[in-house]
Protein backbone atom coordinates (compact mmCIF):
# COMPACT_ATOMS: atom_id res chain seq x y z
CA MET A 1 -6.65 -65.92 3.32
CA TRP A 2 -7.12 -69.76 1.74
CA LEU A 3 -10.09 -71.58 0.88
CA VAL A 4 -9.33 -75.44 1.11
CA ASN A 5 -11.14 -78.53 0.21
CA ALA A 6 -13.29 -77.21 -3.14
CA HIS A 7 -14.38 -78.47 -6.25
CA VAL A 8 -13.83 -75.30 -9.02
CA VAL A 9 -16.16 -75.23 -11.56
CA ASP A 10 -14.29 -74.30 -14.55
CA VAL A 11 -17.41 -72.42 -16.34
CA LEU A 12 -15.03 -71.61 -19.79
CA ALA A 13 -13.76 -75.13 -20.31
CA GLY A 14 -17.10 -76.83 -18.94
CA GLU A 15 -15.12 -78.98 -16.04
CA VAL A 16 -14.48 -79.43 -12.46
CA LEU A 17 -10.91 -79.03 -10.96
CA PRO A 18 -11.48 -81.53 -8.03
CA ALA A 19 -9.73 -81.20 -4.41
CA ARG A 20 -8.47 -77.56 -5.24
CA ALA A 21 -7.13 -74.86 -2.44
CA ILE A 22 -7.89 -71.02 -3.75
CA GLU A 23 -5.44 -68.06 -2.01
CA ILE A 24 -7.31 -64.87 -1.56
CA ALA A 25 -5.16 -62.25 -2.00
CA PRO A 26 -5.78 -58.98 0.24
CA ASP A 27 -6.99 -56.84 -2.08
CA GLY A 28 -9.74 -59.30 -3.06
CA THR A 29 -8.37 -61.19 -6.30
CA ILE A 30 -7.60 -64.95 -6.36
CA ALA A 31 -3.78 -65.22 -5.97
CA GLN A 32 -3.93 -68.87 -7.10
CA VAL A 33 -5.76 -72.22 -7.42
CA ALA A 34 -3.34 -74.92 -6.32
CA ALA A 35 -3.58 -78.44 -5.72
CA ALA A 36 -2.44 -78.35 -2.23
CA VAL A 37 -2.14 -76.04 0.52
CA PRO A 38 1.44 -74.77 1.46
CA PRO A 39 2.09 -76.64 4.89
CA GLY A 40 2.48 -74.31 7.84
CA LEU A 41 -0.23 -72.21 7.34
CA PRO A 42 -2.22 -70.36 10.41
CA ASP A 43 -5.40 -71.72 11.16
CA GLY A 44 -6.91 -68.26 10.83
CA GLN A 45 -5.92 -68.00 7.45
CA VAL A 46 -7.55 -71.38 6.31
CA SER A 47 -11.13 -71.72 5.67
CA ASP A 48 -12.69 -75.46 4.91
CA VAL A 49 -15.29 -75.26 2.04
CA ALA A 50 -16.02 -79.17 2.96
CA GLY A 51 -16.29 -80.39 -0.58
CA ARG A 52 -18.51 -78.36 -1.96
CA TRP A 53 -18.25 -76.74 -5.18
CA LEU A 54 -17.32 -73.45 -6.09
CA LEU A 55 -18.50 -71.21 -8.99
CA PRO A 56 -18.00 -67.14 -9.78
CA GLY A 57 -20.39 -65.10 -8.63
CA LEU A 58 -23.70 -64.74 -10.56
CA ILE A 59 -23.70 -61.91 -13.44
CA SER A 60 -27.66 -60.73 -13.77
CA CYS A 61 -27.74 -58.57 -17.35
CA HIS A 62 -31.49 -57.26 -17.00
CA THR A 63 -31.59 -55.70 -13.47
CA HIS A 64 -34.47 -53.12 -12.19
CA LEU A 65 -33.94 -52.21 -8.56
CA SER A 66 -36.36 -49.24 -8.31
CA VAL A 67 -39.43 -50.92 -9.98
CA VAL A 68 -42.78 -50.42 -8.21
CA PHE A 69 -45.25 -53.15 -8.36
CA PRO A 70 -47.92 -53.27 -10.00
CA PHE A 71 -46.28 -50.60 -12.03
CA SER A 72 -49.06 -48.22 -12.38
CA ASP A 73 -48.02 -47.33 -8.66
CA THR A 74 -45.07 -45.49 -10.27
CA ASP A 75 -44.52 -41.60 -8.90
CA GLU A 76 -42.37 -40.15 -11.51
CA ALA A 77 -42.10 -37.47 -8.72
CA GLU A 78 -40.93 -39.35 -6.44
CA ASN A 79 -38.34 -37.96 -3.74
CA PRO A 80 -34.60 -39.36 -5.15
CA ALA A 81 -33.88 -40.74 -1.43
CA LEU A 82 -37.23 -42.69 -1.55
CA THR A 83 -36.48 -44.49 -4.84
CA ALA A 84 -32.70 -45.56 -3.22
CA TYR A 85 -33.39 -47.17 -0.40
CA ARG A 86 -36.13 -49.17 -2.21
CA SER A 87 -33.52 -50.08 -4.78
CA ALA A 88 -30.53 -50.39 -2.00
CA ALA A 89 -32.86 -52.97 -0.41
CA ARG A 90 -33.11 -54.76 -3.55
CA ALA A 91 -29.04 -54.88 -4.53
CA SER A 92 -28.83 -56.56 -0.70
CA ALA A 93 -31.27 -59.00 -1.51
CA ALA A 94 -29.32 -59.54 -4.88
CA LEU A 95 -25.73 -59.89 -3.26
CA THR A 96 -27.32 -62.19 -0.45
CA ALA A 97 -28.91 -64.34 -3.00
CA GLY A 98 -25.25 -64.95 -4.76
CA ILE A 99 -25.63 -62.58 -7.50
CA THR A 100 -22.33 -60.18 -7.29
CA THR A 101 -22.44 -58.38 -10.42
CA ILE A 102 -25.68 -56.70 -11.82
CA ARG A 103 -26.37 -54.68 -14.98
CA CYS A 104 -29.49 -51.99 -14.64
CA VAL A 105 -31.51 -50.88 -17.72
CA HIS A 106 -33.42 -48.16 -15.90
CA GLU A 107 -34.00 -46.94 -12.62
CA GLN A 108 -35.98 -44.08 -11.74
CA ASN A 109 -33.91 -41.46 -10.37
CA ARG A 110 -30.70 -42.83 -11.46
CA ALA A 111 -30.47 -44.93 -8.16
CA ASP A 112 -28.40 -47.43 -9.79
CA LEU A 113 -25.45 -44.59 -10.52
CA LEU A 114 -25.93 -43.28 -6.36
CA LEU A 115 -26.01 -46.97 -5.42
CA ARG A 116 -22.82 -47.73 -7.47
CA GLN A 117 -20.94 -44.53 -5.40
CA ALA A 118 -22.28 -45.74 -2.12
CA ALA A 119 -20.99 -49.15 -2.11
CA ARG A 120 -17.80 -48.12 -3.83
CA ARG A 121 -17.56 -45.90 -0.39
CA GLY A 122 -18.55 -48.83 1.56
CA TRP A 123 -21.88 -47.63 2.85
CA ILE A 124 -23.88 -50.18 1.44
CA ASP A 125 -23.36 -53.81 0.72
CA ALA A 126 -24.37 -53.99 -3.16
CA PRO A 127 -23.51 -56.24 -6.31
CA ARG A 128 -20.85 -54.72 -8.79
CA ILE A 129 -23.21 -52.21 -10.73
CA LEU A 130 -22.76 -51.39 -14.27
CA GLY A 131 -26.16 -48.86 -14.56
CA ALA A 132 -28.19 -47.60 -17.33
CA GLY A 133 -29.29 -44.45 -15.32
CA ARG A 134 -32.57 -43.11 -16.71
CA ALA A 135 -33.83 -45.57 -19.86
CA VAL A 136 -34.72 -43.23 -22.88
CA SER A 137 -38.10 -43.87 -24.36
CA THR A 138 -40.47 -41.71 -27.21
CA ARG A 139 -43.04 -39.81 -25.42
CA GLY A 140 -46.11 -42.12 -24.65
CA GLY A 141 -44.02 -45.23 -25.60
CA HIS A 142 -43.34 -48.29 -23.56
CA GLY A 143 -41.25 -46.31 -21.14
CA ALA A 144 -43.60 -43.66 -20.41
CA GLY A 145 -44.39 -43.34 -16.87
CA SER A 146 -41.58 -44.93 -15.30
CA GLY A 147 -39.43 -42.00 -14.71
CA CYS A 148 -37.77 -42.76 -18.12
CA ALA A 149 -35.89 -39.54 -19.90
CA GLU A 150 -38.07 -39.16 -23.12
CA ALA A 151 -37.13 -37.81 -26.22
CA SER A 152 -38.30 -37.54 -30.01
CA GLY A 153 -36.24 -37.40 -32.92
CA GLU A 154 -32.30 -38.35 -33.73
CA ASP A 155 -31.23 -35.57 -32.21
CA GLU A 156 -33.39 -35.57 -28.92
CA PHE A 157 -32.34 -39.04 -28.40
CA TYR A 158 -28.78 -38.22 -28.78
CA ALA A 159 -28.64 -35.13 -26.39
CA ALA A 160 -30.97 -37.71 -24.00
CA ALA A 161 -28.81 -40.52 -24.24
CA LEU A 162 -25.55 -38.45 -23.95
CA ALA A 163 -26.98 -36.58 -20.99
CA GLU A 164 -26.94 -40.31 -19.29
CA LEU A 165 -23.57 -41.58 -20.39
CA GLU A 166 -22.35 -37.36 -18.40
CA ALA A 167 -24.22 -38.83 -15.37
CA GLY A 168 -21.99 -41.66 -15.35
CA ALA A 169 -24.14 -44.55 -17.14
CA ASP A 170 -21.94 -47.60 -18.69
CA HIS A 171 -24.54 -48.02 -21.44
CA ILE A 172 -27.54 -46.92 -22.70
CA LYS A 173 -31.44 -48.53 -22.56
CA ILE A 174 -33.98 -47.69 -25.41
CA PHE A 175 -37.65 -49.32 -25.91
CA ILE A 176 -37.67 -50.07 -29.57
CA SER A 177 -41.30 -51.80 -29.54
CA GLY A 178 -44.47 -52.09 -27.29
CA GLY A 179 -44.00 -54.77 -24.53
CA LEU A 180 -46.50 -56.74 -22.02
CA ALA A 181 -46.82 -54.05 -19.15
CA SER A 182 -49.89 -51.97 -20.23
CA ALA A 183 -53.69 -52.96 -21.70
CA GLY A 184 -53.96 -52.96 -25.35
CA GLU A 185 -49.89 -52.88 -25.92
CA ARG A 186 -48.20 -55.29 -28.46
CA VAL A 187 -44.86 -56.23 -28.32
CA GLU A 188 -44.57 -56.31 -32.06
CA ASN A 189 -45.64 -52.73 -32.65
CA PRO A 190 -42.03 -50.71 -33.17
CA GLU A 191 -42.07 -47.03 -31.53
CA MET A 192 -38.78 -45.56 -32.64
CA SER A 193 -37.77 -44.26 -36.10
CA ASP A 194 -34.31 -45.18 -37.51
CA GLY A 195 -33.04 -41.52 -36.80
CA GLU A 196 -33.96 -42.03 -32.90
CA ILE A 197 -31.96 -45.15 -33.03
CA ARG A 198 -29.21 -43.94 -34.48
CA GLY A 199 -28.88 -41.20 -32.33
CA ALA A 200 -28.90 -43.07 -29.36
CA VAL A 201 -25.92 -45.23 -31.00
CA ARG A 202 -24.31 -42.18 -31.91
CA ALA A 203 -24.02 -41.23 -28.31
CA ALA A 204 -23.26 -44.41 -27.16
CA ASP A 205 -19.87 -44.39 -29.77
CA THR A 206 -19.16 -41.23 -28.09
CA ARG A 207 -18.08 -43.49 -25.38
CA ASP A 208 -17.02 -46.69 -26.77
CA SER A 209 -20.04 -47.88 -24.74
CA TYR A 210 -23.31 -49.62 -26.35
CA VAL A 211 -27.15 -49.84 -26.53
CA VAL A 212 -29.44 -52.09 -25.27
CA ALA A 213 -32.81 -52.53 -26.53
CA HIS A 214 -36.10 -53.64 -25.46
CA SER A 215 -37.37 -55.63 -28.14
CA GLY A 216 -40.47 -57.36 -28.44
CA GLY A 217 -40.66 -58.61 -32.35
CA SER A 218 -38.63 -59.51 -35.16
CA THR A 219 -39.17 -56.33 -37.29
CA ALA A 220 -37.94 -53.61 -34.68
CA ILE A 221 -35.25 -56.02 -33.71
CA ARG A 222 -33.91 -56.02 -37.56
CA GLN A 223 -34.54 -52.08 -37.60
CA ALA A 224 -32.41 -51.77 -34.61
CA LEU A 225 -29.53 -53.95 -35.56
CA ALA A 226 -29.04 -52.28 -38.66
CA GLN A 227 -28.76 -48.77 -37.04
CA GLY A 228 -25.73 -50.19 -34.61
CA VAL A 229 -27.88 -51.94 -31.61
CA ARG A 230 -26.15 -55.32 -30.43
CA CYS A 231 -27.60 -56.20 -27.02
CA PHE A 232 -31.81 -57.33 -27.46
CA GLU A 233 -34.01 -58.01 -24.33
CA HIS A 234 -37.08 -60.29 -23.98
CA ALA A 235 -37.12 -60.99 -27.78
CA TYR A 236 -40.67 -61.84 -27.23
CA GLN A 237 -41.30 -63.19 -30.95
CA LEU A 238 -38.47 -64.16 -32.50
CA ASP A 239 -38.02 -65.81 -36.05
CA GLU A 240 -35.67 -68.23 -37.51
CA ASP A 241 -34.21 -65.58 -39.80
CA THR A 242 -33.81 -62.61 -37.93
CA ALA A 243 -32.60 -64.97 -34.87
CA ALA A 244 -29.95 -66.09 -37.48
CA LEU A 245 -29.16 -62.52 -38.46
CA LEU A 246 -28.23 -61.57 -34.86
CA ALA A 247 -26.23 -64.78 -34.42
CA SER A 248 -23.93 -63.50 -37.64
CA ARG A 249 -23.35 -60.13 -36.29
CA GLY A 250 -22.60 -61.11 -32.62
CA ALA A 251 -25.51 -59.81 -31.09
CA TYR A 252 -26.49 -60.33 -27.29
CA VAL A 253 -30.03 -61.29 -26.78
CA THR A 254 -31.37 -61.92 -22.50
CA PRO A 255 -34.43 -63.68 -22.66
CA THR A 256 -35.55 -63.05 -19.63
CA LEU A 257 -38.07 -66.17 -19.99
CA CYS A 258 -38.99 -65.95 -16.15
CA VAL A 259 -41.23 -62.74 -17.43
CA THR A 260 -43.82 -65.04 -19.01
CA ARG A 261 -43.46 -67.72 -16.54
CA SER A 262 -44.53 -66.02 -13.23
CA GLU A 263 -47.93 -65.86 -12.65
CA THR A 264 -47.81 -66.93 -8.87
CA TRP A 265 -45.06 -64.24 -8.06
CA MET A 266 -46.93 -61.78 -10.09
CA ARG A 267 -50.40 -61.75 -7.92
CA ALA A 268 -48.35 -61.80 -4.75
CA ASN A 269 -46.76 -58.67 -5.89
CA GLY A 270 -50.21 -57.19 -7.03
CA PHE A 271 -49.74 -56.91 -10.63
CA GLU A 272 -52.54 -55.70 -12.81
CA GLU A 273 -54.83 -58.31 -14.34
CA HIS A 274 -53.98 -57.25 -18.02
CA THR A 275 -50.61 -57.49 -17.28
CA ILE A 276 -50.57 -61.06 -16.16
CA ALA A 277 -52.93 -61.59 -19.07
CA ASN A 278 -50.69 -60.34 -21.78
CA ALA A 279 -47.55 -62.31 -19.63
CA ALA A 280 -50.03 -65.28 -20.03
CA ASN A 281 -50.62 -64.72 -23.65
CA ALA A 282 -46.83 -64.36 -24.87
CA ALA A 283 -45.49 -67.39 -22.79
CA ASP A 284 -45.54 -69.98 -25.41
CA GLU A 285 -44.18 -67.94 -28.38
CA HIS A 286 -41.50 -66.28 -26.12
CA LEU A 287 -40.21 -69.87 -25.27
CA ALA A 288 -40.40 -70.89 -28.90
CA SER A 289 -38.52 -67.67 -29.33
CA ALA A 290 -35.80 -68.55 -27.07
CA ARG A 291 -35.43 -72.31 -28.55
CA ARG A 292 -34.83 -70.22 -31.59
CA ALA A 293 -32.18 -68.07 -30.65
CA ILE A 294 -30.46 -71.09 -28.69
CA LYS A 295 -30.67 -73.32 -32.54
CA ALA A 296 -29.22 -70.10 -34.39
CA GLY A 297 -26.44 -70.03 -31.64
CA ILE A 298 -26.90 -66.78 -30.21
CA THR A 299 -25.12 -65.56 -26.79
CA LEU A 300 -27.66 -65.67 -24.46
CA LEU A 301 -27.48 -64.01 -21.20
CA ASN A 302 -29.45 -64.03 -17.77
CA GLY A 303 -31.83 -61.29 -16.87
CA THR A 304 -34.61 -61.39 -15.10
CA ASP A 305 -36.97 -57.88 -15.56
CA TYR A 306 -37.48 -58.42 -11.96
CA PRO A 307 -35.31 -57.68 -9.02
CA PRO A 308 -32.97 -60.88 -9.06
CA GLY A 309 -32.85 -61.71 -5.57
CA ASP A 310 -36.44 -61.80 -5.29
CA GLN A 311 -37.80 -65.55 -4.30
CA VAL A 312 -39.73 -67.01 -7.28
CA ASP A 313 -41.17 -70.76 -7.22
CA GLY A 314 -38.75 -71.04 -3.89
CA VAL A 315 -35.32 -69.49 -5.51
CA PRO A 316 -33.89 -66.11 -6.30
CA VAL A 317 -35.41 -65.45 -9.91
CA ALA A 318 -32.25 -65.25 -11.19
CA VAL A 319 -31.54 -68.33 -10.72
CA LEU A 320 -35.06 -69.86 -12.07
CA GLU A 321 -34.10 -67.90 -15.06
CA LEU A 322 -30.97 -70.11 -15.11
CA PHE A 323 -33.41 -73.20 -14.98
CA LEU A 324 -35.75 -71.78 -17.60
CA MET A 325 -33.03 -71.53 -20.56
CA ALA A 326 -32.02 -74.84 -19.46
CA GLU A 327 -35.24 -76.14 -20.37
CA ALA A 328 -35.46 -74.20 -23.37
CA GLY A 329 -32.28 -76.47 -24.85
CA LEU A 330 -29.66 -75.03 -23.17
CA THR A 331 -26.85 -77.46 -21.79
CA ASN A 332 -26.24 -77.10 -18.33
CA HIS A 333 -22.61 -75.76 -18.80
CA GLN A 334 -23.90 -73.06 -21.78
CA ALA A 335 -26.62 -72.25 -19.25
CA LEU A 336 -24.04 -71.40 -16.77
CA GLN A 337 -22.48 -69.25 -19.20
CA THR A 338 -25.36 -66.88 -19.68
CA ILE A 339 -24.82 -65.71 -15.71
CA SER A 340 -20.66 -65.74 -15.96
CA VAL A 341 -18.76 -65.15 -18.85
CA ASN A 342 -20.99 -64.47 -21.37
CA GLY A 343 -22.56 -61.51 -19.37
CA ALA A 344 -18.88 -60.34 -18.11
CA ARG A 345 -17.86 -60.50 -22.18
CA LEU A 346 -20.19 -58.11 -22.97
CA LEU A 347 -19.75 -55.69 -19.80
CA GLY A 348 -16.31 -55.54 -20.85
CA ILE A 349 -15.17 -56.68 -17.22
CA ASP A 350 -14.18 -60.52 -18.70
CA LYS A 351 -10.55 -60.03 -18.09
CA HIS A 352 -11.30 -59.73 -14.04
CA VAL A 353 -14.80 -61.23 -13.18
CA GLY A 354 -16.71 -63.75 -14.15
CA GLN A 355 -14.25 -66.77 -13.68
CA ILE A 356 -12.16 -68.64 -10.69
CA ARG A 357 -8.93 -68.03 -11.71
CA PRO A 358 -5.52 -66.16 -10.84
CA GLY A 359 -6.23 -62.34 -11.31
CA TYR A 360 -9.65 -62.11 -11.18
CA ALA A 361 -12.27 -61.11 -8.51
CA ALA A 362 -12.81 -63.25 -5.73
CA ASP A 363 -16.37 -63.24 -6.35
CA LEU A 364 -17.57 -66.92 -5.40
CA ILE A 365 -20.58 -69.07 -4.89
CA ALA A 366 -21.20 -72.56 -3.54
CA VAL A 367 -22.85 -75.32 -3.54
CA ASP A 368 -23.19 -78.82 -2.77
CA ALA A 369 -22.92 -80.82 -5.56
CA ASN A 370 -21.84 -80.43 -9.31
CA PRO A 371 -24.08 -78.25 -11.21
CA LEU A 372 -22.39 -78.91 -14.25
CA ALA A 373 -24.46 -82.40 -13.75
CA ASP A 374 -27.68 -80.96 -12.49
CA LEU A 375 -28.48 -77.68 -12.88
CA ALA A 376 -30.81 -78.15 -9.47
CA ALA A 377 -27.33 -77.65 -6.95
CA LEU A 378 -28.13 -73.85 -7.61
CA GLY A 379 -30.90 -74.12 -5.65
CA ASP A 380 -29.04 -73.75 -2.75
CA ILE A 381 -26.23 -71.48 -2.52
CA SER A 382 -24.60 -71.90 0.74
CA LEU A 383 -21.71 -69.46 0.48
CA VAL A 384 -21.44 -66.13 -0.95
CA MET A 385 -18.22 -64.24 -1.34
CA GLN A 386 -17.80 -61.12 -3.19
CA ALA A 387 -14.29 -59.73 -3.53
CA GLY A 388 -12.95 -62.10 -0.88
CA ARG A 389 -15.29 -61.12 1.49
CA VAL A 390 -17.71 -63.55 3.13
CA ILE A 391 -21.28 -62.08 2.90
CA ARG A 392 -22.84 -65.03 3.85
CA ASP A 393 -22.17 -68.48 4.53
CA SER A 394 -25.16 -70.56 5.86
CA ARG A 395 -22.43 -73.61 6.62
CA VAL A 396 -20.97 -71.92 9.42
CA PRO A 397 -23.03 -71.57 12.53
CA ALA A 398 -24.03 -68.60 14.19
CA GLY A 399 -21.05 -66.63 16.28
CA ALA A 400 -18.45 -69.26 14.77
CA ALA A 401 -15.48 -67.63 13.75
CA ARG A 402 -14.66 -68.36 9.65
């Protein structure tokens, strides 16, 4: 199969390769990116992209598919089948929105690991899933009540984290501080001891994996960094010195700015007033922290904390996050890297996912304008392809042959 008349966005170099033809191999990978199509190909093997800009499929690195709103409605005894059905619907919505790879960072009943198996067997359409299974929380900590594994002390954290890895998790999620969900919670309050963090890191090390940490304030972030954590979520209160330290250690941060900038969506989804108020009160410092992270040169990832295919302000929330990170100070090129090559590198799939080049998965999206010049082009993704298979193309009339 060939895609022709396409402007290819090189997200690594930050340039556009105009009027290219892309050959997609039968195994769903990119065989070549050519300046011209070989003559004599049958019509059925050629699809005209009609001058659209092609980018690699989007990678969202902070995803919850099973989450229930408001959070207090979570039933920790829920039948795993119900959890999987809810999660599958959100996974399908994410894929349709152009998000072809997701990193789940806690799913009730390990729904991410179940969906990954179902997708591999061809039973459902879903993004490529790298999952944490259940996050591990201190008893009574930020993760309590959401179906997490709970532990206390280094040995218990080691055992709980190892259990998730043995169940098939790709990484381990912990909560090193408070958050915004509950009344009276403080994002700056540490919730784990050095030993507990170390226990989770030791478990991850046995599988050449890593720990990702829900993180509110700089004190807890520095504590976790010292114990070997290398990926931090939210960073609601990040000071300059801690940002510089994170950058010097090559750590990753997923700001999830949309968490404190989606009040209309939160109300539409039944969030409790104290959660909405907590988010609003954290918004200014959250944005300032993201700006400090950008200034320090930290490698940033795109993540949403919400199901990434949900529509917020008229666009998928993963795309809204892209816009917010640009508003915080990233260039258009840097913003596009947060949702492509940066995520692929952390996830360890950067040799075959996250770029448009030979040997990479044919995970592609198309937009009508150059996103390096104007990120708003991502507000209308008209083509989504995963592993060489068209998921949707709004420029093709219903019933027409592709």
